[in-house]
Amino acid sequence: MKRSSKARPPLSALELEVMDLVWGLGESTSAGIVEAFTKRRPLAPTTIRTVLSNVEEKGYLERVPTTERALRYRPSFPRQAVATQTLQQLVGRLFGGSPKAA
């Protein structure tokens, strides 16, 4: 069961970078995500896998059942929903929740 968008904790900058890649890939193995991400930015594979685990725990990714040995992920929420939530959080923090002030 998916949590509501208000219940999800915000993504860090690195988590958002990883999610951006996953949204572009759609569904992928963790190895595929690591390979694609290291082409964008050199990070240790263990770091990227830790980020994937954290993002999954926050509810933005879900595991896909598979017969492969590798973990397979897909986004749980569309990019637009996360963008809206992130913008609302930014306005809330910087402008007291007032879109007019932004």
PDB file of N, CA and C in Angstrom:
ATOM      1  N   MET A   1       0.839  -1.187   0.000  1.00  0.00           N
ATOM      2  CA  MET A   1       0.000   0.000   0.000  1.00  0.00           C
ATOM      3  C   MET A   1       0.881   1.246   0.000  1.00  0.00           C
ATOM      4  N   LYS A   2       0.585   2.165  -0.889  1.00  0.00           N
ATOM      5  CA  LYS A   2       1.385   3.373  -0.985  1.00  0.00           C
ATOM      6  C   LYS A   2       0.944   4.383   0.059  1.00  0.00           C
ATOM      7  N   ARG A   3       1.935   5.059   0.613  1.00  0.00           N
ATOM      8  CA  ARG A   3       1.621   6.111   1.578  1.00  0.00           C
ATOM      9  C   ARG A   3       1.174   7.352   0.825  1.00  0.00           C
ATOM     10  N   SER A   4       0.429   8.211   1.482  1.00  0.00           N
ATOM     11  CA  SER A   4       0.000   9.451   0.834  1.00  0.00           C
ATOM     12  C   SER A   4       1.205  10.346   0.621  1.00  0.00           C
ATOM     13  N   SER A   5       1.074  11.281  -0.317  1.00  0.00           N
ATOM     14  CA  SER A   5       2.200  12.152  -0.650  1.00  0.00           C
ATOM     15  C   SER A   5       2.625  13.004   0.544  1.00  0.00           C
ATOM     16  N   LYS A   6       1.700  13.321   1.451  1.00  0.00           N
ATOM     17  CA  LYS A   6       2.046  14.137   2.608  1.00  0.00           C
ATOM     18  C   LYS A   6       2.865  13.350   3.636  1.00  0.00           C
ATOM     19  N   ALA A   7       2.737  12.026   3.620  1.00  0.00           N
ATOM     20  CA  ALA A   7       3.425  11.196   4.600  1.00  0.00           C
ATOM     21  C   ALA A   7       4.877  10.917   4.205  1.00  0.00           C
ATOM     22  N   ARG A   8       5.227  11.165   2.947  1.00  0.00           N
ATOM     23  CA  ARG A   8       6.580  10.858   2.490  1.00  0.00           C
ATOM     24  C   ARG A   8       7.555  11.938   2.918  1.00  0.00           C
ATOM     25  N   PRO A   9       8.689  11.519   3.471  1.00  0.00           N
ATOM     26  CA  PRO A   9       9.720  12.500   3.813  1.00  0.00           C
ATOM     27  C   PRO A   9      10.351  13.066   2.544  1.00  0.00           C
ATOM     28  N   PRO A  10      10.893  14.260   2.626  1.00  0.00           N
ATOM     29  CA  PRO A  10      11.497  14.865   1.434  1.00  0.00           C
ATOM     30  C   PRO A  10      12.756  14.124   0.997  1.00  0.00           C
ATOM     31  N   LEU A  11      13.086  14.271  -0.282  1.00  0.00           N
ATOM     32  CA  LEU A  11      14.295  13.675  -0.830  1.00  0.00           C
ATOM     33  C   LEU A  11      15.468  14.630  -0.676  1.00  0.00           C
ATOM     34  N   SER A  12      16.638  14.075  -0.372  1.00  0.00           N
ATOM     35  CA  SER A  12      17.861  14.884  -0.354  1.00  0.00           C
ATOM     36  C   SER A  12      18.253  15.168  -1.800  1.00  0.00           C
ATOM     37  N   ALA A  13      19.249  16.012  -2.000  1.00  0.00           N
ATOM     38  CA  ALA A  13      19.706  16.350  -3.351  1.00  0.00           C
ATOM     39  C   ALA A  13      20.193  15.100  -4.091  1.00  0.00           C
ATOM     40  N   LEU A  14      20.959  14.261  -3.420  1.00  0.00           N
ATOM     41  CA  LEU A  14      21.468  13.043  -4.054  1.00  0.00           C
ATOM     42  C   LEU A  14      20.333  12.060  -4.348  1.00  0.00           C
ATOM     43  N   GLU A  15      19.406  11.931  -3.426  1.00  0.00           N
ATOM     44  CA  GLU A  15      18.261  11.051  -3.651  1.00  0.00           C
ATOM     45  C   GLU A  15      17.442  11.530  -4.847  1.00  0.00           C
ATOM     46  N   LEU A  16      17.294  12.834  -4.981  1.00  0.00           N
ATOM     47  CA  LEU A  16      16.559  13.396  -6.109  1.00  0.00           C
ATOM     48  C   LEU A  16      17.285  13.126  -7.428  1.00  0.00           C
ATOM     49  N   GLU A  17      18.612  13.198  -7.421  1.00  0.00           N
ATOM     50  CA  GLU A  17      19.405  12.863  -8.616  1.00  0.00           C
ATOM     51  C   GLU A  17      19.175  11.414  -9.018  1.00  0.00           C
ATOM     52  N   VAL A  18      19.194  10.519  -8.046  1.00  0.00           N
ATOM     53  CA  VAL A  18      18.976   9.097  -8.331  1.00  0.00           C
ATOM     54  C   VAL A  18      17.555   8.883  -8.850  1.00  0.00           C
ATOM     55  N   MET A  19      16.568   9.514  -8.231  1.00  0.00           N
ATOM     56  CA  MET A  19      15.186   9.368  -8.687  1.00  0.00           C
ATOM     57  C   MET A  19      15.014   9.923 -10.098  1.00  0.00           C
ATOM     58  N   ASP A  20      15.685  11.014 -10.411  1.00  0.00           N
ATOM     59  CA  ASP A  20      15.619  11.567 -11.762  1.00  0.00           C
ATOM     60  C   ASP A  20      16.060  10.521 -12.783  1.00  0.00           C
ATOM     61  N   LEU A  21      17.124   9.824 -12.458  1.00  0.00           N
ATOM     62  CA  LEU A  21      17.621   8.761 -13.337  1.00  0.00           C
ATOM     63  C   LEU A  21      16.617   7.615 -13.424  1.00  0.00           C
ATOM     64  N   VAL A  22      16.067   7.201 -12.291  1.00  0.00           N
ATOM     65  CA  VAL A  22      15.118   6.085 -12.279  1.00  0.00           C
ATOM     66  C   VAL A  22      13.861   6.446 -13.063  1.00  0.00           C
ATOM     67  N   TRP A  23      13.374   7.667 -12.941  1.00  0.00           N
ATOM     68  CA  TRP A  23      12.219   8.079 -13.732  1.00  0.00           C
ATOM     69  C   TRP A  23      12.533   7.975 -15.223  1.00  0.00           C
ATOM     70  N   GLY A  24      13.751   8.329 -15.599  1.00  0.00           N
ATOM     71  CA  GLY A  24      14.153   8.231 -16.993  1.00  0.00           C
ATOM     72  C   GLY A  24      14.257   6.792 -17.474  1.00  0.00           C
ATOM     73  N   LEU A  25      14.741   5.917 -16.616  1.00  0.00           N
ATOM     74  CA  LEU A  25      14.897   4.507 -16.984  1.00  0.00           C
ATOM     75  C   LEU A  25      13.578   3.739 -16.924  1.00  0.00           C
ATOM     76  N   GLY A  26      12.689   4.176 -16.068  1.00  0.00           N
ATOM     77  CA  GLY A  26      11.455   3.424 -15.837  1.00  0.00           C
ATOM     78  C   GLY A  26      11.718   2.342 -14.817  1.00  0.00           C
ATOM     79  N   GLU A  27      11.788   1.118 -15.272  1.00  0.00           N
ATOM     80  CA  GLU A  27      12.073  -0.017 -14.400  1.00  0.00           C
ATOM     81  C   GLU A  27      13.475  -0.517 -14.728  1.00  0.00           C
ATOM     82  N   SER A  28      14.273  -0.789 -13.695  1.00  0.00           N
ATOM     83  CA  SER A  28      15.653  -1.213 -13.933  1.00  0.00           C
ATOM     84  C   SER A  28      16.188  -1.992 -12.739  1.00  0.00           C
ATOM     85  N   THR A  29      17.224  -2.775 -13.003  1.00  0.00           N
ATOM     86  CA  THR A  29      17.911  -3.461 -11.913  1.00  0.00           C
ATOM     87  C   THR A  29      18.782  -2.456 -11.179  1.00  0.00           C
ATOM     88  N   SER A  30      19.169  -2.810  -9.974  1.00  0.00           N
ATOM     89  CA  SER A  30      20.068  -1.924  -9.227  1.00  0.00           C
ATOM     90  C   SER A  30      21.390  -1.780  -9.971  1.00  0.00           C
ATOM     91  N   ALA A  31      21.861  -2.854 -10.604  1.00  0.00           N
ATOM     92  CA  ALA A  31      23.107  -2.785 -11.371  1.00  0.00           C
ATOM     93  C   ALA A  31      22.978  -1.822 -12.550  1.00  0.00           C
ATOM     94  N   GLY A  32      21.833  -1.836 -13.214  1.00  0.00           N
ATOM     95  CA  GLY A  32      21.594  -0.907 -14.323  1.00  0.00           C
ATOM     96  C   GLY A  32      21.561   0.534 -13.863  1.00  0.00           C
ATOM     97  N   ILE A  33      20.965   0.764 -12.703  1.00  0.00           N
ATOM     98  CA  ILE A  33      20.900   2.120 -12.147  1.00  0.00           C
ATOM     99  C   ILE A  33      22.302   2.582 -11.763  1.00  0.00           C
ATOM    100  N   VAL A  34      23.067   1.711 -11.113  1.00  0.00           N
ATOM    101  CA  VAL A  34      24.442   2.052 -10.728  1.00  0.00           C
ATOM    102  C   VAL A  34      25.260   2.390 -11.963  1.00  0.00           C
ATOM    103  N   GLU A  35      25.176   1.566 -12.993  1.00  0.00           N
ATOM    104  CA  GLU A  35      25.942   1.796 -14.215  1.00  0.00           C
ATOM    105  C   GLU A  35      25.581   3.133 -14.868  1.00  0.00           C
ATOM    106  N   ALA A  36      24.293   3.403 -14.979  1.00  0.00           N
ATOM    107  CA  ALA A  36      23.847   4.655 -15.599  1.00  0.00           C
ATOM    108  C   ALA A  36      24.231   5.864 -14.750  1.00  0.00           C
ATOM    109  N   PHE A  37      24.120   5.739 -13.443  1.00  0.00           N
ATOM    110  CA  PHE A  37      24.420   6.881 -12.572  1.00  0.00           C
ATOM    111  C   PHE A  37      25.907   7.219 -12.591  1.00  0.00           C
ATOM    112  N   THR A  38      26.763   6.200 -12.597  1.00  0.00           N
ATOM    113  CA  THR A  38      28.206   6.473 -12.578  1.00  0.00           C
ATOM    114  C   THR A  38      28.677   7.123 -13.869  1.00  0.00           C
ATOM    115  N   LYS A  39      27.899   7.039 -14.929  1.00  0.00           N
ATOM    116  CA  LYS A  39      28.212   7.775 -16.165  1.00  0.00           C
ATOM    117  C   LYS A  39      27.934   9.263 -15.992  1.00  0.00           C
ATOM    118  N   ARG A  40      26.966   9.590 -15.151  1.00  0.00           N
ATOM    119  CA  ARG A  40      26.616  10.987 -14.867  1.00  0.00           C
ATOM    120  C   ARG A  40      27.552  11.602 -13.830  1.00  0.00           C
ATOM    121  N   ARG A  41      27.834  10.803 -12.799  1.00  0.00           N
ATOM    122  CA  ARG A  41      28.581  11.309 -11.653  1.00  0.00           C
ATOM    123  C   ARG A  41      29.325  10.150 -10.990  1.00  0.00           C
ATOM    124  N   PRO A  42      30.633  10.291 -10.793  1.00  0.00           N
ATOM    125  CA  PRO A  42      31.388   9.178 -10.214  1.00  0.00           C
ATOM    126  C   PRO A  42      31.123   9.013  -8.709  1.00  0.00           C
ATOM    127  N   LEU A  43      30.380   7.972  -8.376  1.00  0.00           N
ATOM    128  CA  LEU A  43      30.119   7.614  -6.986  1.00  0.00           C
ATOM    129  C   LEU A  43      30.333   6.114  -6.839  1.00  0.00           C
ATOM    130  N   ALA A  44      30.684   5.687  -5.651  1.00  0.00           N
ATOM    131  CA  ALA A  44      30.874   4.262  -5.397  1.00  0.00           C
ATOM    132  C   ALA A  44      29.545   3.530  -5.559  1.00  0.00           C
ATOM    133  N   PRO A  45      29.569   2.359  -6.159  1.00  0.00           N
ATOM    134  CA  PRO A  45      28.334   1.578  -6.304  1.00  0.00           C
ATOM    135  C   PRO A  45      27.617   1.340  -4.972  1.00  0.00           C
ATOM    136  N   THR A  46      28.374   1.151  -3.905  1.00  0.00           N
ATOM    137  CA  THR A  46      27.738   0.941  -2.596  1.00  0.00           C
ATOM    138  C   THR A  46      26.968   2.177  -2.147  1.00  0.00           C
ATOM    139  N   THR A  47      27.490   3.346  -2.472  1.00  0.00           N
ATOM    140  CA  THR A  47      26.793   4.595  -2.121  1.00  0.00           C
ATOM    141  C   THR A  47      25.470   4.687  -2.869  1.00  0.00           C
ATOM    142  N   ILE A  48      25.486   4.365  -4.149  1.00  0.00           N
ATOM    143  CA  ILE A  48      24.268   4.440  -4.955  1.00  0.00           C
ATOM    144  C   ILE A  48      23.250   3.412  -4.462  1.00  0.00           C
ATOM    145  N   ARG A  49      23.708   2.220  -4.130  1.00  0.00           N
ATOM    146  CA  ARG A  49      22.787   1.196  -3.620  1.00  0.00           C
ATOM    147  C   ARG A  49      22.198   1.605  -2.260  1.00  0.00           C
ATOM    148  N   THR A  50      22.998   2.269  -1.444  1.00  0.00           N
ATOM    149  CA  THR A  50      22.484   2.779  -0.163  1.00  0.00           C
ATOM    150  C   THR A  50      21.411   3.825  -0.408  1.00  0.00           C
ATOM    151  N   VAL A  51      21.643   4.709  -1.372  1.00  0.00           N
ATOM    152  CA  VAL A  51      20.648   5.733  -1.715  1.00  0.00           C
ATOM    153  C   VAL A  51      19.368   5.054  -2.216  1.00  0.00           C
ATOM    154  N   LEU A  52      19.497   4.038  -3.058  1.00  0.00           N
ATOM    155  CA  LEU A  52      18.321   3.312  -3.544  1.00  0.00           C
ATOM    156  C   LEU A  52      17.524   2.726  -2.374  1.00  0.00           C
ATOM    157  N   SER A  53      18.227   2.150  -1.431  1.00  0.00           N
ATOM    158  CA  SER A  53      17.573   1.578  -0.253  1.00  0.00           C
ATOM    159  C   SER A  53      16.849   2.660   0.553  1.00  0.00           C
ATOM    160  N   ASN A  54      17.503   3.796   0.735  1.00  0.00           N
ATOM    161  CA  ASN A  54      16.890   4.901   1.485  1.00  0.00           C
ATOM    162  C   ASN A  54      15.649   5.439   0.784  1.00  0.00           C
ATOM    163  N   VAL A  55      15.736   5.571  -0.535  1.00  0.00           N
ATOM    164  CA  VAL A  55      14.610   6.091  -1.309  1.00  0.00           C
ATOM    165  C   VAL A  55      13.448   5.090  -1.291  1.00  0.00           C
ATOM    166  N   GLU A  56      13.780   3.814  -1.324  1.00  0.00           N
ATOM    167  CA  GLU A  56      12.745   2.789  -1.218  1.00  0.00           C
ATOM    168  C   GLU A  56      12.073   2.866   0.153  1.00  0.00           C
ATOM    169  N   GLU A  57      12.873   3.025   1.197  1.00  0.00           N
ATOM    170  CA  GLU A  57      12.329   3.124   2.557  1.00  0.00           C
ATOM    171  C   GLU A  57      11.413   4.335   2.707  1.00  0.00           C
ATOM    172  N   LYS A  58      11.740   5.417   2.019  1.00  0.00           N
ATOM    173  CA  LYS A  58      10.911   6.623   2.063  1.00  0.00           C
ATOM    174  C   LYS A  58       9.634   6.479   1.235  1.00  0.00           C
ATOM    175  N   GLY A  59       9.567   5.429   0.413  1.00  0.00           N
ATOM    176  CA  GLY A  59       8.346   5.168  -0.341  1.00  0.00           C
ATOM    177  C   GLY A  59       8.327   5.686  -1.766  1.00  0.00           C
ATOM    178  N   TYR A  60       9.439   6.148  -2.289  1.00  0.00           N
ATOM    179  CA  TYR A  60       9.482   6.679  -3.650  1.00  0.00           C
ATOM    180  C   TYR A  60       9.781   5.592  -4.686  1.00  0.00           C
ATOM    181  N   LEU A  61      10.376   4.493  -4.254  1.00  0.00           N
ATOM    182  CA  LEU A  61      10.699   3.364  -5.122  1.00  0.00           C
ATOM    183  C   LEU A  61      10.026   2.120  -4.574  1.00  0.00           C
ATOM    184  N   GLU A  62       9.755   1.196  -5.474  1.00  0.00           N
ATOM    185  CA  GLU A  62       9.271  -0.108  -5.033  1.00  0.00           C
ATOM    186  C   GLU A  62      10.031  -1.190  -5.779  1.00  0.00           C
ATOM    187  N   ARG A  63      10.198  -2.313  -5.114  1.00  0.00           N
ATOM    188  CA  ARG A  63      10.856  -3.459  -5.749  1.00  0.00           C
ATOM    189  C   ARG A  63       9.860  -4.181  -6.639  1.00  0.00           C
ATOM    190  N   VAL A  64      10.378  -4.652  -7.747  1.00  0.00           N
ATOM    191  CA  VAL A  64       9.568  -5.405  -8.693  1.00  0.00           C
ATOM    192  C   VAL A  64       9.889  -6.884  -8.500  1.00  0.00           C
ATOM    193  N   PRO A  65       8.876  -7.713  -8.345  1.00  0.00           N
ATOM    194  CA  PRO A  65       9.148  -9.144  -8.223  1.00  0.00           C
ATOM    195  C   PRO A  65       9.842  -9.662  -9.492  1.00  0.00           C
ATOM    196  N   THR A  66      10.886 -10.448  -9.310  1.00  0.00           N
ATOM    197  CA  THR A  66      11.650 -10.940 -10.442  1.00  0.00           C
ATOM    198  C   THR A  66      12.297 -12.276 -10.102  1.00  0.00           C
ATOM    199  N   THR A  67      12.658 -13.005 -11.133  1.00  0.00           N
ATOM    200  CA  THR A  67      13.385 -14.252 -10.933  1.00  0.00           C
ATOM    201  C   THR A  67      14.888 -14.025 -11.030  1.00  0.00           C
ATOM    202  N   GLU A  68      15.294 -12.800 -11.362  1.00  0.00           N
ATOM    203  CA  GLU A  68      16.710 -12.455 -11.440  1.00  0.00           C
ATOM    204  C   GLU A  68      17.309 -12.409 -10.037  1.00  0.00           C
ATOM    205  N   ARG A  69      18.632 -12.496  -9.982  1.00  0.00           N
ATOM    206  CA  ARG A  69      19.309 -12.346  -8.687  1.00  0.00           C
ATOM    207  C   ARG A  69      19.347 -10.887  -8.259  1.00  0.00           C
ATOM    208  N   ALA A  70      19.426  -9.976  -9.216  1.00  0.00           N
ATOM    209  CA  ALA A  70      19.536  -8.549  -8.912  1.00  0.00           C
ATOM    210  C   ALA A  70      18.186  -7.990  -8.447  1.00  0.00           C
ATOM    211  N   LEU A  71      18.257  -6.946  -7.645  1.00  0.00           N
ATOM    212  CA  LEU A  71      17.039  -6.239  -7.255  1.00  0.00           C
ATOM    213  C   LEU A  71      16.577  -5.410  -8.449  1.00  0.00           C
ATOM    214  N   ARG A  72      15.286  -5.341  -8.646  1.00  0.00           N
ATOM    215  CA  ARG A  72      14.709  -4.546  -9.729  1.00  0.00           C
ATOM    216  C   ARG A  72      13.784  -3.518  -9.094  1.00  0.00           C
ATOM    217  N   TYR A  73      13.928  -2.270  -9.530  1.00  0.00           N
ATOM    218  CA  TYR A  73      13.145  -1.168  -8.960  1.00  0.00           C
ATOM    219  C   TYR A  73      12.329  -0.468 -10.028  1.00  0.00           C
ATOM    220  N   ARG A  74      11.262   0.188  -9.560  1.00  0.00           N
ATOM    221  CA  ARG A  74      10.491   1.109 -10.401  1.00  0.00           C
ATOM    222  C   ARG A  74       9.976   2.231  -9.494  1.00  0.00           C
ATOM    223  N   PRO A  75       9.749   3.397 -10.070  1.00  0.00           N
ATOM    224  CA  PRO A  75       9.235   4.514  -9.259  1.00  0.00           C
ATOM    225  C   PRO A  75       7.844   4.196  -8.712  1.00  0.00           C
ATOM    226  N   SER A  76       7.594   4.626  -7.479  1.00  0.00           N
ATOM    227  CA  SER A  76       6.280   4.444  -6.855  1.00  0.00           C
ATOM    228  C   SER A  76       5.355   5.621  -7.138  1.00  0.00           C
ATOM    229  N   PHE A  77       5.958   6.777  -7.400  1.00  0.00           N
ATOM    230  CA  PHE A  77       5.196   7.998  -7.630  1.00  0.00           C
ATOM    231  C   PHE A  77       5.747   8.712  -8.855  1.00  0.00           C
ATOM    232  N   PRO A  78       4.883   9.383  -9.601  1.00  0.00           N
ATOM    233  CA  PRO A  78       5.352  10.100 -10.789  1.00  0.00           C
ATOM    234  C   PRO A  78       6.204  11.309 -10.425  1.00  0.00           C
ATOM    235  N   ARG A  79       7.069  11.668 -11.351  1.00  0.00           N
ATOM    236  CA  ARG A  79       7.963  12.809 -11.177  1.00  0.00           C
ATOM    237  C   ARG A  79       7.169  14.072 -10.819  1.00  0.00           C
ATOM    238  N   GLN A  80       6.042  14.296 -11.485  1.00  0.00           N
ATOM    239  CA  GLN A  80       5.257  15.521 -11.259  1.00  0.00           C
ATOM    240  C   GLN A  80       4.753  15.622  -9.826  1.00  0.00           C
ATOM    241  N   ALA A  81       4.335  14.500  -9.245  1.00  0.00           N
ATOM    242  CA  ALA A  81       3.848  14.516  -7.858  1.00  0.00           C
ATOM    243  C   ALA A  81       4.975  14.888  -6.900  1.00  0.00           C
ATOM    244  N   VAL A  82       6.167  14.367  -7.150  1.00  0.00           N
ATOM    245  CA  VAL A  82       7.319  14.678  -6.295  1.00  0.00           C
ATOM    246  C   VAL A  82       7.742  16.129  -6.498  1.00  0.00           C
ATOM    247  N   ALA A  83       7.688  16.610  -7.739  1.00  0.00           N
ATOM    248  CA  ALA A  83       8.049  18.008  -8.015  1.00  0.00           C
ATOM    249  C   ALA A  83       7.097  18.963  -7.285  1.00  0.00           C
ATOM    250  N   THR A  84       5.815  18.649  -7.315  1.00  0.00           N
ATOM    251  CA  THR A  84       4.822  19.483  -6.623  1.00  0.00           C
ATOM    252  C   THR A  84       5.083  19.496  -5.120  1.00  0.00           C
ATOM    253  N   GLN A  85       5.323  18.316  -4.557  1.00  0.00           N
ATOM    254  CA  GLN A  85       5.598  18.218  -3.116  1.00  0.00           C
ATOM    255  C   GLN A  85       6.859  18.991  -2.743  1.00  0.00           C
ATOM    256  N   THR A  86       7.901  18.853  -3.543  1.00  0.00           N
ATOM    257  CA  THR A  86       9.169  19.525  -3.268  1.00  0.00           C
ATOM    258  C   THR A  86       8.999  21.044  -3.331  1.00  0.00           C
ATOM    259  N   LEU A  87       8.258  21.517  -4.318  1.00  0.00           N
ATOM    260  CA  LEU A  87       8.024  22.955  -4.438  1.00  0.00           C
ATOM    261  C   LEU A  87       7.210  23.475  -3.257  1.00  0.00           C
ATOM    262  N   GLN A  88       6.203  22.733  -2.833  1.00  0.00           N
ATOM    263  CA  GLN A  88       5.404  23.142  -1.674  1.00  0.00           C
ATOM    264  C   GLN A  88       6.261  23.211  -0.408  1.00  0.00           C
ATOM    265  N   GLN A  89       7.168  22.250  -0.250  1.00  0.00           N
ATOM    266  CA  GLN A  89       8.050  22.256   0.914  1.00  0.00           C
ATOM    267  C   GLN A  89       8.996  23.449   0.873  1.00  0.00           C
ATOM    268  N   LEU A  90       9.507  23.764  -0.301  1.00  0.00           N
ATOM    269  CA  LEU A  90      10.404  24.906  -0.459  1.00  0.00           C
ATOM    270  C   LEU A  90       9.687  26.213  -0.124  1.00  0.00           C
ATOM    271  N   VAL A  91       8.488  26.380  -0.662  1.00  0.00           N
ATOM    272  CA  VAL A  91       7.704  27.587  -0.369  1.00  0.00           C
ATOM    273  C   VAL A  91       7.389  27.654   1.125  1.00  0.00           C
ATOM    274  N   GLY A  92       7.081  26.522   1.712  1.00  0.00           N
ATOM    275  CA  GLY A  92       6.793  26.488   3.144  1.00  0.00           C
ATOM    276  C   GLY A  92       7.980  26.907   3.985  1.00  0.00           C
ATOM    277  N   ARG A  93       9.169  26.431   3.623  1.00  0.00           N
ATOM    278  CA  ARG A  93      10.368  26.743   4.413  1.00  0.00           C
ATOM    279  C   ARG A  93      10.863  28.168   4.187  1.00  0.00           C
ATOM    280  N   LEU A  94      10.878  28.606   2.949  1.00  0.00           N
ATOM    281  CA  LEU A  94      11.485  29.904   2.653  1.00  0.00           C
ATOM    282  C   LEU A  94      10.518  31.079   2.706  1.00  0.00           C
ATOM    283  N   PHE A  95       9.223  30.813   2.471  1.00  0.00           N
ATOM    284  CA  PHE A  95       8.285  31.923   2.374  1.00  0.00           C
ATOM    285  C   PHE A  95       7.087  31.749   3.287  1.00  0.00           C
ATOM    286  N   GLY A  96       7.247  30.971   4.354  1.00  0.00           N
ATOM    287  CA  GLY A  96       6.169  30.795   5.330  1.00  0.00           C
ATOM    288  C   GLY A  96       4.923  30.194   4.753  1.00  0.00           C
ATOM    289  N   GLY A  97       5.049  29.455   3.666  1.00  0.00           N
ATOM    290  CA  GLY A  97       3.900  28.806   3.054  1.00  0.00           C
ATOM    291  C   GLY A  97       3.112  29.697   2.112  1.00  0.00           C
ATOM    292  N   SER A  98       3.596  30.915   1.866  1.00  0.00           N
ATOM    293  CA  SER A  98       2.871  31.840   1.005  1.00  0.00           C
ATOM    294  C   SER A  98       3.411  31.825  -0.429  1.00  0.00           C
ATOM    295  N   PRO A  99       2.647  31.284  -1.371  1.00  0.00           N
ATOM    296  CA  PRO A  99       3.097  31.317  -2.769  1.00  0.00           C
ATOM    297  C   PRO A  99       3.246  32.737  -3.291  1.00  0.00           C
ATOM    298  N   LYS A 100       2.428  33.666  -2.767  1.00  0.00           N
ATOM    299  CA  LYS A 100       2.515  35.068  -3.174  1.00  0.00           C
ATOM    300  C   LYS A 100       3.875  35.663  -2.833  1.00  0.00           C
ATOM    301  N   ALA A 101       4.373  35.321  -1.630  1.00  0.00           N
ATOM    302  CA  ALA A 101       5.663  35.839  -1.191  1.00  0.00           C
ATOM    303  C   ALA A 101       6.797  35.274  -2.044  1.00  0.00           C
ATOM    304  N   ALA A 102       6.591  34.080  -2.580  1.00  0.00           N
ATOM    305  CA  ALA A 102       7.625  33.473  -3.431  1.00  0.00           C
ATOM    306  C   ALA A 102       7.705  34.232  -4.734  1.00  0.00           C
TER     307      ALA A 102
END
